PDB file of N, CA and C in Angstrom:
ATOM      1  N   MET A   1       0.621  -1.182   0.103  1.00  0.00           N
ATOM      2  CA  MET A   1       0.117   0.013  -0.165  1.00  0.00           C
ATOM      3  C   MET A   1       0.896   1.237  -0.060  1.00  0.00           C
ATOM      4  N   LYS A   2       2.142   1.324   0.950  1.00  0.00           N
ATOM      5  CA  LYS A   2       3.014   2.458   0.852  1.00  0.00           C
ATOM      6  C   LYS A   2       3.428   2.758  -0.457  1.00  0.00           C
ATOM      7  N   ASN A   3       3.742   1.909  -1.491  1.00  0.00           N
ATOM      8  CA  ASN A   3       4.187   2.068  -2.776  1.00  0.00           C
ATOM      9  C   ASN A   3       3.167   2.696  -3.655  1.00  0.00           C
ATOM     10  N   THR A   4       1.839   2.429  -3.368  1.00  0.00           N
ATOM     11  CA  THR A   4       0.718   3.020  -4.201  1.00  0.00           C
ATOM     12  C   THR A   4       0.732   4.402  -3.715  1.00  0.00           C
ATOM     13  N   ILE A   5       0.740   4.572  -2.553  1.00  0.00           N
ATOM     14  CA  ILE A   5       0.478   6.108  -1.900  1.00  0.00           C
ATOM     15  C   ILE A   5       1.553   6.657  -2.414  1.00  0.00           C
ATOM     16  N   GLN A   6       3.037   6.242  -2.599  1.00  0.00           N
ATOM     17  CA  GLN A   6       4.124   6.985  -3.072  1.00  0.00           C
ATOM     18  C   GLN A   6       3.891   7.316  -4.491  1.00  0.00           C
ATOM     19  N   LYS A   7       3.343   6.413  -5.368  1.00  0.00           N
ATOM     20  CA  LYS A   7       3.207   6.578  -6.579  1.00  0.00           C
ATOM     21  C   LYS A   7       2.270   7.836  -6.935  1.00  0.00           C
ATOM     22  N   VAL A   8       1.362   7.840  -6.397  1.00  0.00           N
ATOM     23  CA  VAL A   8       0.197   8.863  -6.413  1.00  0.00           C
ATOM     24  C   VAL A   8       0.883  10.169  -5.918  1.00  0.00           C
ATOM     25  N   ILE A   9       1.676  10.290  -4.883  1.00  0.00           N
ATOM     26  CA  ILE A   9       2.387  11.412  -4.574  1.00  0.00           C
ATOM     27  C   ILE A   9       3.188  11.860  -5.255  1.00  0.00           C
ATOM     28  N   GLU A  10       4.019  11.037  -6.026  1.00  0.00           N
ATOM     29  CA  GLU A  10       4.978  11.587  -7.067  1.00  0.00           C
ATOM     30  C   GLU A  10       4.355  12.014  -8.370  1.00  0.00           C
ATOM     31  N   GLU A  11       3.267  11.315  -8.755  1.00  0.00           N
ATOM     32  CA  GLU A  11       2.682  11.957  -9.721  1.00  0.00           C
ATOM     33  C   GLU A  11       2.072  13.319  -9.386  1.00  0.00           C
ATOM     34  N   THR A  12       1.396  13.364  -8.393  1.00  0.00           N
ATOM     35  CA  THR A  12       1.214  14.865  -8.076  1.00  0.00           C
ATOM     36  C   THR A  12       1.999  15.963  -7.934  1.00  0.00           C
ATOM     37  N   PHE A  13       3.451  15.536  -7.424  1.00  0.00           N
ATOM     38  CA  PHE A  13       4.434  16.580  -7.583  1.00  0.00           C
ATOM     39  C   PHE A  13       4.825  16.804  -9.036  1.00  0.00           C
ATOM     40  N   GLU A  14       4.867  15.881  -9.848  1.00  0.00           N
ATOM     41  CA  GLU A  14       5.064  15.991 -11.221  1.00  0.00           C
ATOM     42  C   GLU A  14       3.989  16.725 -12.034  1.00  0.00           C
ATOM     43  N   GLN A  15       2.727  16.748 -11.721  1.00  0.00           N
ATOM     44  CA  GLN A  15       1.969  17.451 -12.152  1.00  0.00           C
ATOM     45  C   GLN A  15       1.740  19.037 -11.801  1.00  0.00           C
ATOM     46  N   ASN A  16       2.334  19.269 -10.771  1.00  0.00           N
ATOM     47  CA  ASN A  16       2.187  20.442 -10.112  1.00  0.00           C
ATOM     48  C   ASN A  16       3.512  21.096  -9.541  1.00  0.00           C
ATOM     49  N   ALA A  17       4.234  21.872 -10.479  1.00  0.00           N
ATOM     50  CA  ALA A  17       5.430  22.634 -10.077  1.00  0.00           C
ATOM     51  C   ALA A  17       5.435  23.216  -8.791  1.00  0.00           C
ATOM     52  N   GLN A  18       4.215  23.946  -8.510  1.00  0.00           N
ATOM     53  CA  GLN A  18       4.016  24.635  -7.183  1.00  0.00           C
ATOM     54  C   GLN A  18       4.369  24.053  -5.966  1.00  0.00           C
ATOM     55  N   ILE A  19       4.197  22.712  -6.090  1.00  0.00           N
ATOM     56  CA  ILE A  19       4.272  21.962  -4.586  1.00  0.00           C
ATOM     57  C   ILE A  19       5.599  21.986  -4.037  1.00  0.00           C
ATOM     58  N   MET A  20       5.779  22.167  -2.655  1.00  0.00           N
ATOM     59  CA  MET A  20       6.696  22.132  -1.940  1.00  0.00           C
ATOM     60  C   MET A  20       6.982  21.080  -0.976  1.00  0.00           C
ATOM     61  N   MET A  21       5.847  20.657  -0.360  1.00  0.00           N
ATOM     62  CA  MET A  21       5.818  19.413   0.395  1.00  0.00           C
ATOM     63  C   MET A  21       4.074  18.942   0.431  1.00  0.00           C
ATOM     64  N   ILE A  22       4.228  17.554   0.784  1.00  0.00           N
ATOM     65  CA  ILE A  22       2.988  17.050   0.948  1.00  0.00           C
ATOM     66  C   ILE A  22       3.253  15.947   2.409  1.00  0.00           C
ATOM     67  N   SER A  23       2.268  16.166   3.319  1.00  0.00           N
ATOM     68  CA  SER A  23       2.435  15.301   4.447  1.00  0.00           C
ATOM     69  C   SER A  23       0.949  14.557   4.720  1.00  0.00           C
ATOM     70  N   LEU A  24       1.079  13.314   4.962  1.00  0.00           N
ATOM     71  CA  LEU A  24      -0.215  12.533   5.000  1.00  0.00           C
ATOM     72  C   LEU A  24      -0.107  12.083   6.317  1.00  0.00           C
ATOM     73  N   SER A  25      -1.359  12.114   6.913  1.00  0.00           N
ATOM     74  CA  SER A  25      -1.532  11.615   8.496  1.00  0.00           C
ATOM     75  C   SER A  25      -2.878  10.642   8.399  1.00  0.00           C
ATOM     76  N   ASP A  26      -2.920   9.837   9.352  1.00  0.00           N
ATOM     77  CA  ASP A  26      -4.096   9.175   9.392  1.00  0.00           C
ATOM     78  C   ASP A  26      -5.113   9.798  10.218  1.00  0.00           C
ATOM     79  N   GLU A  27      -6.606   9.323  10.283  1.00  0.00           N
ATOM     80  CA  GLU A  27      -7.727  10.080  10.453  1.00  0.00           C
ATOM     81  C   GLU A  27      -7.413  10.516  12.075  1.00  0.00           C
ATOM     82  N   THR A  28      -6.753   9.838  12.681  1.00  0.00           N
ATOM     83  CA  THR A  28      -6.488  10.469  14.226  1.00  0.00           C
ATOM     84  C   THR A  28      -5.268  11.282  14.528  1.00  0.00           C
ATOM     85  N   GLY A  29      -4.561  11.683  13.336  1.00  0.00           N
ATOM     86  CA  GLY A  29      -3.385  12.560  13.297  1.00  0.00           C
ATOM     87  C   GLY A  29      -2.098  11.814  13.419  1.00  0.00           C
ATOM     88  N   LEU A  30      -1.827  10.911  13.276  1.00  0.00           N
ATOM     89  CA  LEU A  30      -0.635   9.999  13.311  1.00  0.00           C
ATOM     90  C   LEU A  30      -0.049  10.044  12.101  1.00  0.00           C
ATOM     91  N   PRO A  31       1.272  10.235  11.685  1.00  0.00           N
ATOM     92  CA  PRO A  31       1.925  10.518  10.435  1.00  0.00           C
ATOM     93  C   PRO A  31       1.955   9.106   9.723  1.00  0.00           C
ATOM     94  N   ILE A  32       1.560   9.464   8.394  1.00  0.00           N
ATOM     95  CA  ILE A  32       1.939   8.186   7.546  1.00  0.00           C
ATOM     96  C   ILE A  32       3.154   8.577   6.893  1.00  0.00           C
ATOM     97  N   SER A  33       3.306   9.661   6.088  1.00  0.00           N
ATOM     98  CA  SER A  33       4.408  10.103   5.131  1.00  0.00           C
ATOM     99  C   SER A  33       4.357  11.288   4.980  1.00  0.00           C
ATOM    100  N   THR A  34       5.685  11.899   4.712  1.00  0.00           N
ATOM    101  CA  THR A  34       6.068  13.434   4.486  1.00  0.00           C
ATOM    102  C   THR A  34       6.877  13.416   3.270  1.00  0.00           C
ATOM    103  N   TYR A  35       6.810  14.192   2.214  1.00  0.00           N
ATOM    104  CA  TYR A  35       7.446  14.219   1.004  1.00  0.00           C
ATOM    105  C   TYR A  35       7.595  15.736   0.908  1.00  0.00           C
ATOM    106  N   SER A  36       9.025  15.856   0.329  1.00  0.00           N
ATOM    107  CA  SER A  36       9.165  17.476  -0.149  1.00  0.00           C
ATOM    108  C   SER A  36      10.172  17.238  -1.450  1.00  0.00           C
ATOM    109  N   LYS A  37      10.222  18.459  -2.045  1.00  0.00           N
ATOM    110  CA  LYS A  37      10.861  18.732  -3.333  1.00  0.00           C
ATOM    111  C   LYS A  37      11.792  19.836  -3.107  1.00  0.00           C
ATOM    112  N   ASP A  38      13.011  19.466  -3.263  1.00  0.00           N
ATOM    113  CA  ASP A  38      14.217  20.432  -3.144  1.00  0.00           C
ATOM    114  C   ASP A  38      14.352  21.442  -4.101  1.00  0.00           C
ATOM    115  N   GLU A  39      15.231  22.378  -4.291  1.00  0.00           N
ATOM    116  CA  GLU A  39      15.484  23.427  -5.335  1.00  0.00           C
ATOM    117  C   GLU A  39      15.648  22.662  -6.597  1.00  0.00           C
ATOM    118  N   ASP A  40      16.400  21.580  -6.462  1.00  0.00           N
ATOM    119  CA  ASP A  40      16.545  21.096  -7.779  1.00  0.00           C
ATOM    120  C   ASP A  40      15.509  20.166  -8.472  1.00  0.00           C
ATOM    121  N   GLY A  41      14.274  20.165  -7.628  1.00  0.00           N
ATOM    122  CA  GLY A  41      13.145  19.209  -8.123  1.00  0.00           C
ATOM    123  C   GLY A  41      13.238  17.810  -7.725  1.00  0.00           C
ATOM    124  N   LYS A  42      14.235  17.400  -6.992  1.00  0.00           N
ATOM    125  CA  LYS A  42      14.204  16.113  -6.488  1.00  0.00           C
ATOM    126  C   LYS A  42      13.215  15.816  -5.259  1.00  0.00           C
ATOM    127  N   ILE A  43      12.417  14.812  -5.382  1.00  0.00           N
ATOM    128  CA  ILE A  43      11.237  14.551  -4.489  1.00  0.00           C
ATOM    129  C   ILE A  43      11.862  13.349  -3.610  1.00  0.00           C
ATOM    130  N   SER A  44      11.818  13.885  -2.207  1.00  0.00           N
ATOM    131  CA  SER A  44      12.278  12.781  -1.386  1.00  0.00           C
ATOM    132  C   SER A  44      11.470  12.586  -0.087  1.00  0.00           C
ATOM    133  N   GLU A  45      11.346  11.344   0.552  1.00  0.00           N
ATOM    134  CA  GLU A  45      10.528  11.282   1.695  1.00  0.00           C
ATOM    135  C   GLU A  45      11.462  11.772   2.974  1.00  0.00           C
ATOM    136  N   ILE A  46      10.676  12.556   3.708  1.00  0.00           N
ATOM    137  CA  ILE A  46      11.472  12.875   4.894  1.00  0.00           C
ATOM    138  C   ILE A  46      10.912  11.788   6.118  1.00  0.00           C
ATOM    139  N   ASN A  47      12.394  11.347   6.552  1.00  0.00           N
ATOM    140  CA  ASN A  47      12.077  10.193   7.666  1.00  0.00           C
ATOM    141  C   ASN A  47      12.374  10.889   9.096  1.00  0.00           C
ATOM    142  N   ASP A  48      12.808  12.180   9.203  1.00  0.00           N
ATOM    143  CA  ASP A  48      12.873  12.717  10.521  1.00  0.00           C
ATOM    144  C   ASP A  48      11.617  12.778  11.425  1.00  0.00           C
ATOM    145  N   TYR A  49      11.422  12.039  12.535  1.00  0.00           N
ATOM    146  CA  TYR A  49      10.143  11.905  13.086  1.00  0.00           C
ATOM    147  C   TYR A  49       9.651  13.405  13.415  1.00  0.00           C
ATOM    148  N   GLY A  50      10.788  14.077  14.023  1.00  0.00           N
ATOM    149  CA  GLY A  50      10.578  15.429  14.690  1.00  0.00           C
ATOM    150  C   GLY A  50       9.960  16.151  13.685  1.00  0.00           C
ATOM    151  N   ILE A  51      10.005  16.379  12.359  1.00  0.00           N
ATOM    152  CA  ILE A  51       9.512  17.008  11.099  1.00  0.00           C
ATOM    153  C   ILE A  51       8.002  16.555  10.888  1.00  0.00           C
ATOM    154  N   THR A  52       8.174  15.031  10.705  1.00  0.00           N
ATOM    155  CA  THR A  52       6.780  14.294  10.393  1.00  0.00           C
ATOM    156  C   THR A  52       5.645  14.522  11.538  1.00  0.00           C
ATOM    157  N   ASN A  53       6.244  14.459  12.684  1.00  0.00           N
ATOM    158  CA  ASN A  53       5.233  14.630  14.027  1.00  0.00           C
ATOM    159  C   ASN A  53       4.719  15.927  14.000  1.00  0.00           C
ATOM    160  N   ARG A  54       5.537  16.893  13.607  1.00  0.00           N
ATOM    161  CA  ARG A  54       5.237  18.391  13.743  1.00  0.00           C
ATOM    162  C   ARG A  54       3.987  18.623  12.723  1.00  0.00           C
ATOM    163  N   TYR A  55       4.236  18.123  11.374  1.00  0.00           N
ATOM    164  CA  TYR A  55       3.459  18.479  10.509  1.00  0.00           C
ATOM    165  C   TYR A  55       2.144  17.615  10.611  1.00  0.00           C
ATOM    166  N   ALA A  56       2.309  16.520  11.119  1.00  0.00           N
ATOM    167  CA  ALA A  56       0.823  15.459  11.406  1.00  0.00           C
ATOM    168  C   ALA A  56       0.153  16.466  12.631  1.00  0.00           C
ATOM    169  N   ALA A  57       0.917  16.860  13.625  1.00  0.00           N
ATOM    170  CA  ALA A  57       0.348  17.575  14.941  1.00  0.00           C
ATOM    171  C   ALA A  57      -0.317  18.863  14.334  1.00  0.00           C
ATOM    172  N   LEU A  58       0.154  19.530  13.323  1.00  0.00           N
ATOM    173  CA  LEU A  58      -0.491  20.817  12.681  1.00  0.00           C
ATOM    174  C   LEU A  58      -1.777  20.366  12.139  1.00  0.00           C
ATOM    175  N   ALA A  59      -1.488  19.291  11.192  1.00  0.00           N
ATOM    176  CA  ALA A  59      -2.995  19.003  10.486  1.00  0.00           C
ATOM    177  C   ALA A  59      -3.719  18.629  11.512  1.00  0.00           C
ATOM    178  N   GLY A  60      -3.568  17.942  12.459  1.00  0.00           N
ATOM    179  CA  GLY A  60      -4.562  17.451  13.375  1.00  0.00           C
ATOM    180  C   GLY A  60      -5.062  18.587  14.248  1.00  0.00           C
ATOM    181  N   ALA A  61      -4.296  19.323  14.665  1.00  0.00           N
ATOM    182  CA  ALA A  61      -4.904  20.595  15.501  1.00  0.00           C
ATOM    183  C   ALA A  61      -5.665  21.541  14.507  1.00  0.00           C
ATOM    184  N   SER A  62      -5.208  21.774  13.463  1.00  0.00           N
ATOM    185  CA  SER A  62      -6.061  22.600  12.540  1.00  0.00           C
ATOM    186  C   SER A  62      -7.406  21.955  12.389  1.00  0.00           C
ATOM    187  N   THR A  63      -7.623  20.753  12.156  1.00  0.00           N
ATOM    188  CA  THR A  63      -8.780  20.059  11.893  1.00  0.00           C
ATOM    189  C   THR A  63      -9.545  20.143  13.040  1.00  0.00           C
ATOM    190  N   THR A  64      -8.986  20.060  14.422  1.00  0.00           N
ATOM    191  CA  THR A  64      -9.788  19.822  15.539  1.00  0.00           C
ATOM    192  C   THR A  64     -10.408  21.392  15.578  1.00  0.00           C
ATOM    193  N   LEU A  65      -9.332  22.369  15.505  1.00  0.00           N
ATOM    194  CA  LEU A  65      -9.924  23.585  15.689  1.00  0.00           C
ATOM    195  C   LEU A  65     -10.970  23.935  14.782  1.00  0.00           C
ATOM    196  N   GLY A  66     -11.083  23.485  13.547  1.00  0.00           N
ATOM    197  CA  GLY A  66     -11.971  23.807  12.601  1.00  0.00           C
ATOM    198  C   GLY A  66     -13.229  23.040  12.853  1.00  0.00           C
ATOM    199  N   GLU A  67     -12.910  21.862  13.211  1.00  0.00           N
ATOM    200  CA  GLU A  67     -14.453  20.973  13.804  1.00  0.00           C
ATOM    201  C   GLU A  67     -15.122  21.887  15.086  1.00  0.00           C
ATOM    202  N   ARG A  68     -14.307  22.360  16.118  1.00  0.00           N
ATOM    203  CA  ARG A  68     -14.943  23.032  17.011  1.00  0.00           C
ATOM    204  C   ARG A  68     -15.427  24.298  16.824  1.00  0.00           C
ATOM    205  N   THR A  69     -14.754  24.988  15.673  1.00  0.00           N
ATOM    206  CA  THR A  69     -15.463  26.314  15.060  1.00  0.00           C
ATOM    207  C   THR A  69     -16.746  26.212  14.432  1.00  0.00           C
ATOM    208  N   LEU A  70     -17.039  24.825  13.713  1.00  0.00           N
ATOM    209  CA  LEU A  70     -18.174  24.704  12.969  1.00  0.00           C
ATOM    210  C   LEU A  70     -19.255  24.122  14.026  1.00  0.00           C
ATOM    211  N   SER A  71     -18.668  23.515  15.085  1.00  0.00           N
ATOM    212  CA  SER A  71     -19.793  23.028  15.866  1.00  0.00           C
ATOM    213  C   SER A  71     -20.518  23.976  16.523  1.00  0.00           C
ATOM    214  N   THR A  72     -19.904  25.286  16.794  1.00  0.00           N
ATOM    215  CA  THR A  72     -20.795  26.385  17.471  1.00  0.00           C
ATOM    216  C   THR A  72     -21.941  26.836  16.343  1.00  0.00           C
ATOM    217  N   ILE A  73     -21.715  26.755  15.170  1.00  0.00           N
ATOM    218  CA  ILE A  73     -22.583  26.762  14.178  1.00  0.00           C
ATOM    219  C   ILE A  73     -23.615  25.834  14.124  1.00  0.00           C
ATOM    220  N   SER A  74     -23.267  24.618  13.858  1.00  0.00           N
ATOM    221  CA  SER A  74     -24.181  23.558  13.562  1.00  0.00           C
ATOM    222  C   SER A  74     -23.519  22.163  14.234  1.00  0.00           C
ATOM    223  N   GLN A  75     -24.198  21.277  14.534  1.00  0.00           N
ATOM    224  CA  GLN A  75     -23.793  20.165  15.001  1.00  0.00           C
ATOM    225  C   GLN A  75     -23.502  19.171  13.692  1.00  0.00           C
ATOM    226  N   GLN A  76     -24.223  19.558  12.546  1.00  0.00           N
ATOM    227  CA  GLN A  76     -24.139  18.619  11.486  1.00  0.00           C
ATOM    228  C   GLN A  76     -22.946  18.983  10.681  1.00  0.00           C
ATOM    229  N   GLU A  77     -22.213  19.883  10.624  1.00  0.00           N
ATOM    230  CA  GLU A  77     -21.134  20.319   9.936  1.00  0.00           C
ATOM    231  C   GLU A  77     -19.768  19.501  10.145  1.00  0.00           C
ATOM    232  N   ARG A  78     -19.034  19.396   9.160  1.00  0.00           N
ATOM    233  CA  ARG A  78     -17.763  18.643   9.166  1.00  0.00           C
ATOM    234  C   ARG A  78     -16.756  19.525   8.365  1.00  0.00           C
ATOM    235  N   VAL A  79     -15.542  19.674   9.029  1.00  0.00           N
ATOM    236  CA  VAL A  79     -14.578  20.184   8.254  1.00  0.00           C
ATOM    237  C   VAL A  79     -14.023  19.259   7.137  1.00  0.00           C
ATOM    238  N   ARG A  80     -13.907  19.978   6.030  1.00  0.00           N
ATOM    239  CA  ARG A  80     -13.501  19.141   4.936  1.00  0.00           C
ATOM    240  C   ARG A  80     -12.087  19.589   4.334  1.00  0.00           C
ATOM    241  N   LEU A  81     -11.918  21.030   4.361  1.00  0.00           N
ATOM    242  CA  LEU A  81     -10.843  21.729   3.921  1.00  0.00           C
ATOM    243  C   LEU A  81     -10.573  22.827   4.573  1.00  0.00           C
ATOM    244  N   ILE A  82      -9.224  22.941   5.025  1.00  0.00           N
ATOM    245  CA  ILE A  82      -8.709  24.289   5.401  1.00  0.00           C
ATOM    246  C   ILE A  82      -7.578  24.704   4.631  1.00  0.00           C
ATOM    247  N   HIS A  83      -7.865  26.090   4.277  1.00  0.00           N
ATOM    248  CA  HIS A  83      -6.701  26.692   3.373  1.00  0.00           C
ATOM    249  C   HIS A  83      -6.316  27.880   3.998  1.00  0.00           C
ATOM    250  N   VAL A  84      -4.993  28.230   4.034  1.00  0.00           N
ATOM    251  CA  VAL A  84      -4.419  29.443   4.556  1.00  0.00           C
ATOM    252  C   VAL A  84      -3.562  30.040   3.341  1.00  0.00           C
ATOM    253  N   GLN A  85      -3.898  31.064   2.832  1.00  0.00           N
ATOM    254  CA  GLN A  85      -2.817  31.868   2.128  1.00  0.00           C
ATOM    255  C   GLN A  85      -1.654  32.742   2.826  1.00  0.00           C
ATOM    256  N   GLY A  86      -0.359  32.439   2.764  1.00  0.00           N
ATOM    257  CA  GLY A  86       0.356  33.251   3.381  1.00  0.00           C
ATOM    258  C   GLY A  86       1.309  34.145   2.483  1.00  0.00           C
ATOM    259  N   LYS A  87       2.362  34.724   2.938  1.00  0.00           N
ATOM    260  CA  LYS A  87       3.206  35.586   2.179  1.00  0.00           C
ATOM    261  C   LYS A  87       4.197  34.757   1.341  1.00  0.00           C
ATOM    262  N   ASP A  88       4.788  33.685   2.162  1.00  0.00           N
ATOM    263  CA  ASP A  88       5.680  32.891   1.440  1.00  0.00           C
ATOM    264  C   ASP A  88       5.347  31.420   0.791  1.00  0.00           C
ATOM    265  N   ARG A  89       4.115  31.102   1.318  1.00  0.00           N
ATOM    266  CA  ARG A  89       3.601  29.815   1.125  1.00  0.00           C
ATOM    267  C   ARG A  89       1.952  29.851   1.085  1.00  0.00           C
ATOM    268  N   ASP A  90       1.561  28.786   0.731  1.00  0.00           N
ATOM    269  CA  ASP A  90       0.011  28.459   0.880  1.00  0.00           C
ATOM    270  C   ASP A  90      -0.166  27.216   1.340  1.00  0.00           C
ATOM    271  N   VAL A  91      -0.855  26.895   2.313  1.00  0.00           N
ATOM    272  CA  VAL A  91      -1.258  25.517   3.022  1.00  0.00           C
ATOM    273  C   VAL A  91      -2.696  25.106   3.008  1.00  0.00           C
ATOM    274  N   ALA A  92      -2.904  23.947   2.314  1.00  0.00           N
ATOM    275  CA  ALA A  92      -4.233  23.511   2.559  1.00  0.00           C
ATOM    276  C   ALA A  92      -4.242  22.089   3.188  1.00  0.00           C
ATOM    277  N   ILE A  93      -5.272  21.965   4.089  1.00  0.00           N
ATOM    278  CA  ILE A  93      -5.371  20.669   4.759  1.00  0.00           C
ATOM    279  C   ILE A  93      -6.814  19.936   4.117  1.00  0.00           C
ATOM    280  N   SER A  94      -6.590  18.796   3.555  1.00  0.00           N
ATOM    281  CA  SER A  94      -7.787  18.400   3.089  1.00  0.00           C
ATOM    282  C   SER A  94      -8.217  17.103   4.207  1.00  0.00           C
ATOM    283  N   VAL A  95      -9.342  17.043   4.567  1.00  0.00           N
ATOM    284  CA  VAL A  95      -9.774  16.094   5.482  1.00  0.00           C
ATOM    285  C   VAL A  95     -10.813  15.128   5.153  1.00  0.00           C
ATOM    286  N   SER A  96     -10.398  13.772   5.086  1.00  0.00           N
ATOM    287  CA  SER A  96     -11.512  12.722   4.775  1.00  0.00           C
ATOM    288  C   SER A  96     -11.678  11.727   5.974  1.00  0.00           C
ATOM    289  N   PRO A  97     -12.517  10.791   6.110  1.00  0.00           N
ATOM    290  CA  PRO A  97     -12.516   9.700   7.054  1.00  0.00           C
ATOM    291  C   PRO A  97     -11.271   8.851   6.982  1.00  0.00           C
ATOM    292  N   GLN A  98     -10.723   8.806   5.873  1.00  0.00           N
ATOM    293  CA  GLN A  98      -9.621   7.979   5.948  1.00  0.00           C
ATOM    294  C   GLN A  98      -8.074   8.568   6.243  1.00  0.00           C
ATOM    295  N   MET A  99      -7.905   9.517   6.087  1.00  0.00           N
ATOM    296  CA  MET A  99      -6.632  10.446   5.970  1.00  0.00           C
ATOM    297  C   MET A  99      -6.988  12.064   6.134  1.00  0.00           C
ATOM    298  N   ILE A 100      -5.640  12.549   6.585  1.00  0.00           N
ATOM    299  CA  ILE A 100      -5.527  14.269   6.438  1.00  0.00           C
ATOM    300  C   ILE A 100      -4.242  14.473   5.476  1.00  0.00           C
ATOM    301  N   CYS A 101      -4.686  15.220   4.147  1.00  0.00           N
ATOM    302  CA  CYS A 101      -3.634  15.576   3.830  1.00  0.00           C
ATOM    303  C   CYS A 101      -3.196  17.196   3.715  1.00  0.00           C
ATOM    304  N   LEU A 102      -2.002  17.403   4.160  1.00  0.00           N
ATOM    305  CA  LEU A 102      -1.599  18.691   4.090  1.00  0.00           C
ATOM    306  C   LEU A 102      -0.540  18.896   3.016  1.00  0.00           C
ATOM    307  N   VAL A 103      -0.882  20.027   2.186  1.00  0.00           N
ATOM    308  CA  VAL A 103      -0.128  20.422   0.962  1.00  0.00           C
ATOM    309  C   VAL A 103       0.278  21.782   1.204  1.00  0.00           C
ATOM    310  N   VAL A 104       1.829  21.936   0.966  1.00  0.00           N
ATOM    311  CA  VAL A 104       2.151  23.191   0.934  1.00  0.00           C
ATOM    312  C   VAL A 104       2.799  23.538  -0.521  1.00  0.00           C
ATOM    313  N   THR A 105       2.371  24.761  -0.956  1.00  0.00           N
ATOM    314  CA  THR A 105       2.580  25.447  -2.321  1.00  0.00           C
ATOM    315  C   THR A 105       3.298  26.770  -2.210  1.00  0.00           C
ATOM    316  N   TYR A 106       4.036  27.091  -3.223  1.00  0.00           N
ATOM    317  CA  TYR A 106       4.266  28.576  -3.456  1.00  0.00           C
ATOM    318  C   TYR A 106       2.852  29.320  -3.451  1.00  0.00           C
ATOM    319  N   PRO A 107       3.384  30.766  -3.221  1.00  0.00           N
ATOM    320  CA  PRO A 107       1.849  31.461  -3.182  1.00  0.00           C
ATOM    321  C   PRO A 107       1.090  31.275  -4.559  1.00  0.00           C
ATOM    322  N   SER A 108      -0.200  31.231  -4.207  1.00  0.00           N
ATOM    323  CA  SER A 108      -0.987  31.014  -5.664  1.00  0.00           C
ATOM    324  C   SER A 108      -0.699  29.670  -6.409  1.00  0.00           C
ATOM    325  N   GLY A 109      -0.241  28.837  -5.546  1.00  0.00           N
ATOM    326  CA  GLY A 109      -0.099  27.483  -5.978  1.00  0.00           C
ATOM    327  C   GLY A 109      -1.238  26.538  -5.968  1.00  0.00           C
ATOM    328  N   SER A 110      -2.672  27.161  -5.846  1.00  0.00           N
ATOM    329  CA  SER A 110      -3.751  26.439  -5.621  1.00  0.00           C
ATOM    330  C   SER A 110      -3.574  25.043  -4.701  1.00  0.00           C
ATOM    331  N   SER A 111      -2.936  25.299  -3.503  1.00  0.00           N
ATOM    332  CA  SER A 111      -2.904  24.157  -2.434  1.00  0.00           C
ATOM    333  C   SER A 111      -4.121  23.572  -2.252  1.00  0.00           C
ATOM    334  N   ASN A 112      -5.302  24.397  -2.142  1.00  0.00           N
ATOM    335  CA  ASN A 112      -6.620  23.785  -1.768  1.00  0.00           C
ATOM    336  C   ASN A 112      -7.166  23.071  -2.773  1.00  0.00           C
ATOM    337  N   LEU A 113      -6.893  23.167  -4.102  1.00  0.00           N
ATOM    338  CA  LEU A 113      -7.329  22.282  -5.159  1.00  0.00           C
ATOM    339  C   LEU A 113      -6.494  20.961  -5.309  1.00  0.00           C
ATOM    340  N   ILE A 114      -5.077  21.208  -5.245  1.00  0.00           N
ATOM    341  CA  ILE A 114      -4.095  20.024  -4.961  1.00  0.00           C
ATOM    342  C   ILE A 114      -4.649  19.115  -3.909  1.00  0.00           C
ATOM    343  N   ALA A 115      -4.858  19.542  -2.728  1.00  0.00           N
ATOM    344  CA  ALA A 115      -5.198  18.747  -1.529  1.00  0.00           C
ATOM    345  C   ALA A 115      -6.550  17.950  -1.685  1.00  0.00           C
ATOM    346  N   GLU A 116      -7.435  18.710  -2.156  1.00  0.00           N
ATOM    347  CA  GLU A 116      -8.793  18.236  -2.455  1.00  0.00           C
ATOM    348  C   GLU A 116      -8.584  16.879  -3.318  1.00  0.00           C
ATOM    349  N   LYS A 117      -7.741  17.143  -4.731  1.00  0.00           N
ATOM    350  CA  LYS A 117      -7.744  15.950  -5.859  1.00  0.00           C
ATOM    351  C   LYS A 117      -6.821  14.647  -5.154  1.00  0.00           C
ATOM    352  N   LEU A 118      -5.873  15.291  -4.546  1.00  0.00           N
ATOM    353  CA  LEU A 118      -4.866  14.141  -3.867  1.00  0.00           C
ATOM    354  C   LEU A 118      -5.739  13.453  -2.841  1.00  0.00           C
ATOM    355  N   SER A 119      -6.679  13.827  -2.005  1.00  0.00           N
ATOM    356  CA  SER A 119      -7.458  13.361  -1.017  1.00  0.00           C
ATOM    357  C   SER A 119      -8.353  12.372  -1.710  1.00  0.00           C
ATOM    358  N   SER A 120      -9.007  12.620  -2.881  1.00  0.00           N
ATOM    359  CA  SER A 120      -9.904  12.052  -3.593  1.00  0.00           C
ATOM    360  C   SER A 120      -9.121  10.745  -4.318  1.00  0.00           C
ATOM    361  N   GLN A 121      -8.016  11.121  -4.712  1.00  0.00           N
ATOM    362  CA  GLN A 121      -7.152   9.847  -5.358  1.00  0.00           C
ATOM    363  C   GLN A 121      -6.932   8.848  -4.379  1.00  0.00           C
ATOM    364  N   LEU A 122      -6.194   9.368  -3.178  1.00  0.00           N
ATOM    365  CA  LEU A 122      -5.768   8.296  -2.184  1.00  0.00           C
ATOM    366  C   LEU A 122      -7.286   7.686  -1.556  1.00  0.00           C
ATOM    367  N   LYS A 123      -8.596   8.091  -1.461  1.00  0.00           N
ATOM    368  CA  LYS A 123      -9.507   7.667  -0.892  1.00  0.00           C
ATOM    369  C   LYS A 123      -9.886   6.265  -1.977  1.00  0.00           C
ATOM    370  N   SER A 124      -9.583   6.414  -3.217  1.00  0.00           N
ATOM    371  CA  SER A 124     -10.010   5.354  -4.261  1.00  0.00           C
ATOM    372  C   SER A 124      -8.966   4.391  -3.905  1.00  0.00           C
ATOM    373  N   VAL A 125      -7.965   4.631  -3.585  1.00  0.00           N
ATOM    374  CA  VAL A 125      -6.757   3.614  -3.475  1.00  0.00           C
ATOM    375  C   VAL A 125      -6.833   2.928  -2.329  1.00  0.00           C
ATOM    376  N   LEU A 126      -7.312   3.497  -1.293  1.00  0.00           N
ATOM    377  CA  LEU A 126      -7.319   3.002   0.196  1.00  0.00           C
ATOM    378  C   LEU A 126      -8.670   2.181   0.193  1.00  0.00           C
TER     379      LEU A 126
END
């Protein structure tokens, strides 16, 4: 299964030059894998648990915060996508029952669209 996920992520990187990093966590927030692209365009998996845990925690905390915010509006709402546009990078977190996808792009890199598409592709694989 990890090879299949890796192939989908590599294809996503190849199709979108704006992507800097992709981090996947399971639905509970535990890290699955994190991939980044360096200045030379080389895609590599990050195996540093400090980094992977940090991004998994960011995705999990953002999702929890989003769900708490929506719960004050309606008990029936669920967080599906969190999108933050920053000065140096854009971050999108796509949430599904199977996993949380965090995508970091350069500004105006459509991280929200990439995260949604990646999440849909991985749902069909899992």
